[in-house]
Amino acid sequence: MVVSSIHYTFTAEDADKAASIFGELRDASRREKGVISFEVGRSQEDPNVFALWEEYRDEAAREAHLASDHFTRLVVNGVRPLAKKRDFVAVVPL
């Protein structure tokens, strides 16, 4: 299993738009064959901060996700240009 953990920060003006995009991304990603789970959270303390927790069967499944049309549309051309900050780490369970 491969896990991706990503934190995004947006301006207050873009945070609600990002939330909508993340909802669509979550729903599309959960339908992918190699996705075990795909969760999106929004900080209660700072509603401009979002966290994604993505679990993939293996690295090939993660790469398939990154190559998907919905990833390009919703992430590459959607939330990334809106983000002020993005922190990413890929890990494997201990």
C-alpha atoms as a PDB file:
ATOM      1  CA  MET A   1       0.000   0.000   0.000  1.00  0.00           C
ATOM      2  CA  VAL A   2       1.092   3.577  -0.734  1.00  0.00           C
ATOM      3  CA  VAL A   3      -0.348   6.550   1.140  1.00  0.00           C
ATOM      4  CA  SER A   4      -0.272  10.160  -0.027  1.00  0.00           C
ATOM      5  CA  SER A   5      -0.825  12.939   2.491  1.00  0.00           C
ATOM      6  CA  ILE A   6      -1.289  16.425   1.074  1.00  0.00           C
ATOM      7  CA  HIS A   7      -2.042  19.712   2.824  1.00  0.00           C
ATOM      8  CA  TYR A   8      -3.247  22.712   0.834  1.00  0.00           C
ATOM      9  CA  THR A   9      -3.707  26.317   1.936  1.00  0.00           C
ATOM     10  CA  PHE A  10      -5.885  28.762  -0.024  1.00  0.00           C
ATOM     11  CA  THR A  11      -6.920  32.372   0.320  1.00  0.00           C
ATOM     12  CA  ALA A  12     -10.284  32.967   1.962  1.00  0.00           C
ATOM     13  CA  GLU A  13     -11.632  33.958  -1.462  1.00  0.00           C
ATOM     14  CA  ASP A  14     -10.666  30.596  -3.014  1.00  0.00           C
ATOM     15  CA  ALA A  15     -11.319  28.172  -0.134  1.00  0.00           C
ATOM     16  CA  ASP A  16     -14.970  27.429  -0.902  1.00  0.00           C
ATOM     17  CA  LYS A  17     -14.191  26.893  -4.594  1.00  0.00           C
ATOM     18  CA  ALA A  18     -11.404  24.507  -3.561  1.00  0.00           C
ATOM     19  CA  ALA A  19     -13.831  22.638  -1.284  1.00  0.00           C
ATOM     20  CA  SER A  20     -16.169  22.073  -4.205  1.00  0.00           C
ATOM     21  CA  ILE A  21     -13.345  20.851  -6.435  1.00  0.00           C
ATOM     22  CA  PHE A  22     -12.051  18.530  -3.704  1.00  0.00           C
ATOM     23  CA  GLY A  23     -15.518  17.005  -3.318  1.00  0.00           C
ATOM     24  CA  GLU A  24     -15.643  16.191  -7.013  1.00  0.00           C
ATOM     25  CA  LEU A  25     -12.070  14.855  -6.916  1.00  0.00           C
ATOM     26  CA  ARG A  26     -12.865  12.633  -3.919  1.00  0.00           C
ATOM     27  CA  ASP A  27     -15.926  11.146  -5.602  1.00  0.00           C
ATOM     28  CA  ALA A  28     -14.140  10.458  -8.906  1.00  0.00           C
ATOM     29  CA  SER A  29     -11.032   9.063  -7.209  1.00  0.00           C
ATOM     30  CA  ARG A  30     -12.998   6.640  -5.025  1.00  0.00           C
ATOM     31  CA  ARG A  31     -14.237   4.966  -8.216  1.00  0.00           C
ATOM     32  CA  GLU A  32     -10.692   4.143  -9.364  1.00  0.00           C
ATOM     33  CA  LYS A  33      -9.834   0.443  -9.238  1.00  0.00           C
ATOM     34  CA  GLY A  34      -6.621   0.820  -7.203  1.00  0.00           C
ATOM     35  CA  VAL A  35      -7.880   3.342  -4.649  1.00  0.00           C
ATOM     36  CA  ILE A  36      -8.414   1.868  -1.185  1.00  0.00           C
ATOM     37  CA  SER A  37      -9.613   5.136   0.358  1.00  0.00           C
ATOM     38  CA  PHE A  38      -9.621   8.812  -0.520  1.00  0.00           C
ATOM     39  CA  GLU A  39     -10.490  11.330   2.205  1.00  0.00           C
ATOM     40  CA  VAL A  40     -10.610  15.123   2.219  1.00  0.00           C
ATOM     41  CA  GLY A  41     -10.807  17.219   5.367  1.00  0.00           C
ATOM     42  CA  ARG A  42     -11.136  20.928   6.077  1.00  0.00           C
ATOM     43  CA  SER A  43      -9.573  22.502   9.141  1.00  0.00           C
ATOM     44  CA  GLN A  44     -12.007  23.761  11.761  1.00  0.00           C
ATOM     45  CA  GLU A  45      -9.400  26.194  13.105  1.00  0.00           C
ATOM     46  CA  ASP A  46      -8.481  27.592   9.671  1.00  0.00           C
ATOM     47  CA  PRO A  47     -11.087  26.887   6.973  1.00  0.00           C
ATOM     48  CA  ASN A  48      -8.559  27.834   4.287  1.00  0.00           C
ATOM     49  CA  VAL A  49      -6.548  24.672   5.021  1.00  0.00           C
ATOM     50  CA  PHE A  50      -7.441  21.247   3.602  1.00  0.00           C
ATOM     51  CA  ALA A  51      -5.895  17.816   4.107  1.00  0.00           C
ATOM     52  CA  LEU A  52      -6.107  14.867   1.737  1.00  0.00           C
ATOM     53  CA  TRP A  53      -5.359  11.283   2.780  1.00  0.00           C
ATOM     54  CA  GLU A  54      -5.144   8.892  -0.155  1.00  0.00           C
ATOM     55  CA  GLU A  55      -4.510   5.142   0.096  1.00  0.00           C
ATOM     56  CA  TYR A  56      -3.565   3.187  -3.014  1.00  0.00           C
ATOM     57  CA  ARG A  57      -3.165  -0.548  -3.511  1.00  0.00           C
ATOM     58  CA  ASP A  58       0.375   0.004  -4.854  1.00  0.00           C
ATOM     59  CA  GLU A  59       2.550   2.523  -6.687  1.00  0.00           C
ATOM     60  CA  ALA A  60       1.006   1.566 -10.048  1.00  0.00           C
ATOM     61  CA  ALA A  61      -2.429   2.530  -8.705  1.00  0.00           C
ATOM     62  CA  ARG A  62      -1.097   5.888  -7.502  1.00  0.00           C
ATOM     63  CA  GLU A  63       0.498   6.500 -10.898  1.00  0.00           C
ATOM     64  CA  ALA A  64      -2.790   5.616 -12.626  1.00  0.00           C
ATOM     65  CA  HIS A  65      -4.528   8.187 -10.419  1.00  0.00           C
ATOM     66  CA  LEU A  66      -1.986  10.835 -11.386  1.00  0.00           C
ATOM     67  CA  ALA A  67      -2.553  10.020 -15.069  1.00  0.00           C
ATOM     68  CA  SER A  68      -6.361  10.180 -14.871  1.00  0.00           C
ATOM     69  CA  ASP A  69      -8.359  12.811 -16.715  1.00  0.00           C
ATOM     70  CA  HIS A  70     -10.080  13.927 -13.519  1.00  0.00           C
ATOM     71  CA  PHE A  71      -6.705  14.450 -11.789  1.00  0.00           C
ATOM     72  CA  THR A  72      -5.514  16.697 -14.613  1.00  0.00           C
ATOM     73  CA  ARG A  73      -8.776  18.644 -14.704  1.00  0.00           C
ATOM     74  CA  LEU A  74      -9.399  18.974 -10.974  1.00  0.00           C
ATOM     75  CA  VAL A  75      -5.889  19.058  -9.507  1.00  0.00           C
ATOM     76  CA  VAL A  76      -3.364  20.192 -12.121  1.00  0.00           C
ATOM     77  CA  ASN A  77      -5.738  22.722 -13.702  1.00  0.00           C
ATOM     78  CA  GLY A  78      -8.039  23.179 -10.693  1.00  0.00           C
ATOM     79  CA  VAL A  79      -6.783  23.390  -7.113  1.00  0.00           C
ATOM     80  CA  ARG A  80      -3.039  23.691  -7.679  1.00  0.00           C
ATOM     81  CA  PRO A  81      -3.249  27.053  -9.460  1.00  0.00           C
ATOM     82  CA  LEU A  82      -5.509  28.333  -6.652  1.00  0.00           C
ATOM     83  CA  ALA A  83      -3.284  27.097  -3.798  1.00  0.00           C
ATOM     84  CA  LYS A  84      -1.057  29.453  -1.838  1.00  0.00           C
ATOM     85  CA  LYS A  85       0.802  26.484  -0.343  1.00  0.00           C
ATOM     86  CA  ARG A  86       0.988  22.730  -0.926  1.00  0.00           C
ATOM     87  CA  ASP A  87       2.816  20.142   1.198  1.00  0.00           C
ATOM     88  CA  PHE A  88       3.005  16.568  -0.082  1.00  0.00           C
ATOM     89  CA  VAL A  89       4.441  13.347   1.305  1.00  0.00           C
ATOM     90  CA  ALA A  90       4.085   9.767   0.079  1.00  0.00           C
ATOM     91  CA  VAL A  91       4.564   7.089   2.734  1.00  0.00           C
ATOM     92  CA  VAL A  92       4.171   3.363   3.227  1.00  0.00           C
ATOM     93  CA  PRO A  93       2.667   1.885   6.408  1.00  0.00           C
ATOM     94  CA  LEU A  94       5.072   0.588   9.061  1.00  0.00           C
END
